[in-house]
C-alpha atoms as a PDB file:
ATOM      1  CA  MET A   1     -16.286 -13.014  -2.815  1.00  0.00           C
ATOM      2  CA  PRO A   2     -15.027 -11.808   0.602  1.00  0.00           C
ATOM      3  CA  THR A   3     -12.329  -9.749  -1.127  1.00  0.00           C
ATOM      4  CA  LEU A   4     -14.989  -7.911  -3.133  1.00  0.00           C
ATOM      5  CA  ALA A   5     -16.886  -7.063   0.062  1.00  0.00           C
ATOM      6  CA  LEU A   6     -13.688  -5.741   1.633  1.00  0.00           C
ATOM      7  CA  LEU A   7     -13.057  -3.541  -1.399  1.00  0.00           C
ATOM      8  CA  CYS A   8     -16.494  -1.959  -1.048  1.00  0.00           C
ATOM      9  CA  LEU A   9     -15.819  -1.154   2.605  1.00  0.00           C
ATOM     10  CA  SER A  10     -12.501   0.457   1.687  1.00  0.00           C
ATOM     11  CA  ALA A  11     -14.244   2.987  -0.548  1.00  0.00           C
ATOM     12  CA  LEU A  12     -16.228   4.226   2.451  1.00  0.00           C
ATOM     13  CA  SER A  13     -13.150   5.015   4.524  1.00  0.00           C
ATOM     14  CA  PRO A  14     -12.324   8.717   4.913  1.00  0.00           C
ATOM     15  CA  PHE A  15      -8.591   7.971   4.547  1.00  0.00           C
ATOM     16  CA  ALA A  16      -8.796   5.922   1.353  1.00  0.00           C
ATOM     17  CA  VAL A  17      -8.025   8.232  -1.541  1.00  0.00           C
ATOM     18  CA  PRO A  18      -8.495   6.805  -5.042  1.00  0.00           C
ATOM     19  CA  LEU A  19      -5.288   7.476  -6.941  1.00  0.00           C
ATOM     20  CA  THR A  20      -5.070   8.671 -10.525  1.00  0.00           C
ATOM     21  CA  GLY A  21      -2.487   7.301 -12.946  1.00  0.00           C
ATOM     22  CA  ALA A  22      -0.339  10.415 -12.580  1.00  0.00           C
ATOM     23  CA  GLN A  23      -0.419  10.135  -8.783  1.00  0.00           C
ATOM     24  CA  ARG A  24       0.587   6.441  -8.935  1.00  0.00           C
ATOM     25  CA  ARG A  25       3.460   7.351 -11.277  1.00  0.00           C
ATOM     26  CA  TYR A  26       4.565  10.096  -8.863  1.00  0.00           C
ATOM     27  CA  LEU A  27       4.472   7.687  -5.899  1.00  0.00           C
ATOM     28  CA  ARG A  28       6.511   5.076  -7.794  1.00  0.00           C
ATOM     29  CA  ALA A  29       9.167   7.695  -8.597  1.00  0.00           C
ATOM     30  CA  HIS A  30       9.111   8.988  -5.006  1.00  0.00           C
ATOM     31  CA  ALA A  31       9.553   5.428  -3.692  1.00  0.00           C
ATOM     32  CA  GLY A  32      12.549   4.987  -5.987  1.00  0.00           C
ATOM     33  CA  ARG A  33      14.179   8.103  -4.574  1.00  0.00           C
ATOM     34  CA  LEU A  34      13.463   7.001  -1.001  1.00  0.00           C
ATOM     35  CA  THR A  35      14.846   3.525  -1.715  1.00  0.00           C
ATOM     36  CA  SER A  36      18.121   4.948  -2.988  1.00  0.00           C
ATOM     37  CA  GLU A  37      18.384   7.046   0.184  1.00  0.00           C
ATOM     38  CA  LYS A  38      17.433   3.990   2.325  1.00  0.00           C
ATOM     39  CA  LEU A  39      14.433   5.868   3.795  1.00  0.00           C
ATOM     40  CA  LEU A  40      11.575   3.731   2.471  1.00  0.00           C
ATOM     41  CA  PRO A  41      10.139   1.400   5.126  1.00  0.00           C
ATOM     42  CA  ARG A  42       9.929  -2.255   4.091  1.00  0.00           C
ATOM     43  CA  ALA A  43       7.844  -5.064   5.550  1.00  0.00           C
ATOM     44  CA  LEU A  44       7.481  -8.797   4.977  1.00  0.00           C
ATOM     45  CA  VAL A  45       3.864  -9.960   4.882  1.00  0.00           C
ATOM     46  CA  LEU A  46       3.290 -13.668   5.280  1.00  0.00           C
ATOM     47  CA  ASP A  47      -0.473 -13.490   5.872  1.00  0.00           C
ATOM     48  CA  PRO A  48      -2.569 -10.317   5.457  1.00  0.00           C
ATOM     49  CA  ALA A  49      -5.190 -11.721   7.842  1.00  0.00           C
ATOM     50  CA  ALA A  50      -2.661 -12.168  10.653  1.00  0.00           C
ATOM     51  CA  GLY A  51      -1.946  -9.666  13.401  1.00  0.00           C
ATOM     52  CA  SER A  52       1.399  -8.576  11.901  1.00  0.00           C
ATOM     53  CA  LEU A  53      -0.169  -5.508  10.312  1.00  0.00           C
ATOM     54  CA  GLY A  54       0.844  -3.228  13.195  1.00  0.00           C
ATOM     55  CA  GLU A  55       4.307  -2.620  11.746  1.00  0.00           C
ATOM     56  CA  ILE A  56       2.855  -1.636   8.372  1.00  0.00           C
ATOM     57  CA  GLU A  57       0.213   0.509  10.082  1.00  0.00           C
ATOM     58  CA  ASP A  58       2.930   2.423  11.956  1.00  0.00           C
ATOM     59  CA  ALA A  59       4.996   2.899   8.795  1.00  0.00           C
ATOM     60  CA  LEU A  60       1.979   4.206   6.874  1.00  0.00           C
ATOM     61  CA  SER A  61       1.153   6.610   9.710  1.00  0.00           C
ATOM     62  CA  THR A  62       4.653   8.072   9.836  1.00  0.00           C
ATOM     63  CA  ARG A  63       5.804   7.838   6.179  1.00  0.00           C
ATOM     64  CA  GLU A  64       2.575   7.397   4.133  1.00  0.00           C
ATOM     65  CA  LEU A  65       4.416   5.026   1.766  1.00  0.00           C
ATOM     66  CA  VAL A  66       5.646   1.492   2.466  1.00  0.00           C
ATOM     67  CA  ARG A  67       6.983  -1.343   0.327  1.00  0.00           C
ATOM     68  CA  CYS A  68       5.756  -4.828   1.293  1.00  0.00           C
ATOM     69  CA  LYS A  69       7.164  -8.201   0.250  1.00  0.00           C
ATOM     70  CA  LEU A  70       4.288 -10.661  -0.067  1.00  0.00           C
ATOM     71  CA  GLY A  71       5.941 -13.882   1.030  1.00  0.00           C
ATOM     72  CA  ALA A  72       2.827 -16.066   1.101  1.00  0.00           C
ATOM     73  CA  ALA A  73       1.878 -15.455  -2.539  1.00  0.00           C
ATOM     74  CA  LYS A  74       2.790 -18.374  -4.767  1.00  0.00           C
ATOM     75  CA  LYS A  75       1.887 -16.702  -8.068  1.00  0.00           C
ATOM     76  CA  LYS A  76       2.000 -13.110  -9.233  1.00  0.00           C
ATOM     77  CA  ALA A  77      -1.783 -13.034  -9.630  1.00  0.00           C
ATOM     78  CA  GLU A  78      -2.094 -14.059  -5.980  1.00  0.00           C
ATOM     79  CA  ALA A  79       0.264 -11.248  -5.042  1.00  0.00           C
ATOM     80  CA  ARG A  80      -2.031  -8.672  -6.673  1.00  0.00           C
ATOM     81  CA  LEU A  81      -5.057 -10.037  -4.776  1.00  0.00           C
ATOM     82  CA  MET A  82      -3.073 -10.170  -1.547  1.00  0.00           C
ATOM     83  CA  ALA A  83      -1.917  -6.559  -2.023  1.00  0.00           C
ATOM     84  CA  THR A  84      -5.513  -5.452  -2.573  1.00  0.00           C
ATOM     85  CA  GLU A  85      -6.663  -7.269   0.564  1.00  0.00           C
ATOM     86  CA  LEU A  86      -3.792  -5.789   2.558  1.00  0.00           C
ATOM     87  CA  ALA A  87      -4.609  -2.281   1.333  1.00  0.00           C
ATOM     88  CA  THR A  88      -8.262  -2.785   2.230  1.00  0.00           C
ATOM     89  CA  ARG A  89      -7.431  -3.872   5.779  1.00  0.00           C
ATOM     90  CA  LEU A  90      -5.142  -0.855   6.229  1.00  0.00           C
ATOM     91  CA  ASP A  91      -7.393   1.720   4.491  1.00  0.00           C
ATOM     92  CA  ALA A  92      -4.611   2.296   1.977  1.00  0.00           C
ATOM     93  CA  GLU A  93      -4.220   2.331  -1.806  1.00  0.00           C
ATOM     94  CA  VAL A  94      -2.033   0.051  -3.885  1.00  0.00           C
ATOM     95  CA  ALA A  95       0.331   2.269  -5.846  1.00  0.00           C
ATOM     96  CA  GLN A  96       2.244  -0.569  -7.508  1.00  0.00           C
ATOM     97  CA  VAL A  97       2.588  -4.349  -7.625  1.00  0.00           C
ATOM     98  CA  ILE A  98       5.686  -5.855  -9.184  1.00  0.00           C
ATOM     99  CA  GLY A  99       6.146  -9.587  -8.806  1.00  0.00           C
ATOM    100  CA  HIS A 100       5.666 -10.378  -5.125  1.00  0.00           C
ATOM    101  CA  THR A 101       6.255  -6.818  -3.922  1.00  0.00           C
ATOM    102  CA  CYS A 102       3.667  -4.068  -3.498  1.00  0.00           C
ATOM    103  CA  LEU A 103       3.860  -0.377  -2.739  1.00  0.00           C
ATOM    104  CA  LEU A 104       1.132   0.926  -0.410  1.00  0.00           C
ATOM    105  CA  TYR A 105       0.112   4.550   0.143  1.00  0.00           C
ATOM    106  CA  ARG A 106      -2.175   6.072   2.738  1.00  0.00           C
ATOM    107  CA  GLN A 107      -2.551   9.804   3.153  1.00  0.00           C
ATOM    108  CA  SER A 108      -2.075  11.016   6.714  1.00  0.00           C
ATOM    109  CA  PRO A 109      -3.609  14.167   8.200  1.00  0.00           C
ATOM    110  CA  GLN A 110      -0.137  15.800   8.073  1.00  0.00           C
ATOM    111  CA  ARG A 111       0.111  15.137   4.286  1.00  0.00           C
ATOM    112  CA  ILE A 112       3.805  14.292   4.275  1.00  0.00           C
ATOM    113  CA  ILE A 113       3.852  13.465   0.553  1.00  0.00           C
ATOM    114  CA  GLU A 114       2.343  16.175  -1.640  1.00  0.00           C
ATOM    115  CA  LEU A 115       0.605  14.443  -4.548  1.00  0.00           C
ATOM    116  CA  PRO A 116       0.144  16.142  -7.920  1.00  0.00           C
ATOM    117  CA  PRO A 117      -3.411  17.380  -8.547  1.00  0.00           C
ATOM    118  CA  GLU A 118      -5.931  15.117 -10.216  1.00  0.00           C
END
């Protein structure tokens, strides 16, 4: 139940932008290009409730897109829940979850990544 309450709070944030399917697809492709150029920030998350979120917060502020390895998740279903909780704590959106890895996006005031229209 606490996760559900956190999700409701995330919707009230001015920075949380609900993503459409086309925007998620664009972000996945953009992350692939950044990965090949070694420009996509990566982070290891062992506990989303811990104070290690500062590194991810900085990466989201400067790059808007970050790939996180969810080390504490034992099952893939846990990884999806953990990614949602992490996104809620950071006022971000989950663009993708594959296995134990998630891709987070948060729009900054500078709008570094130009998303396709809804």
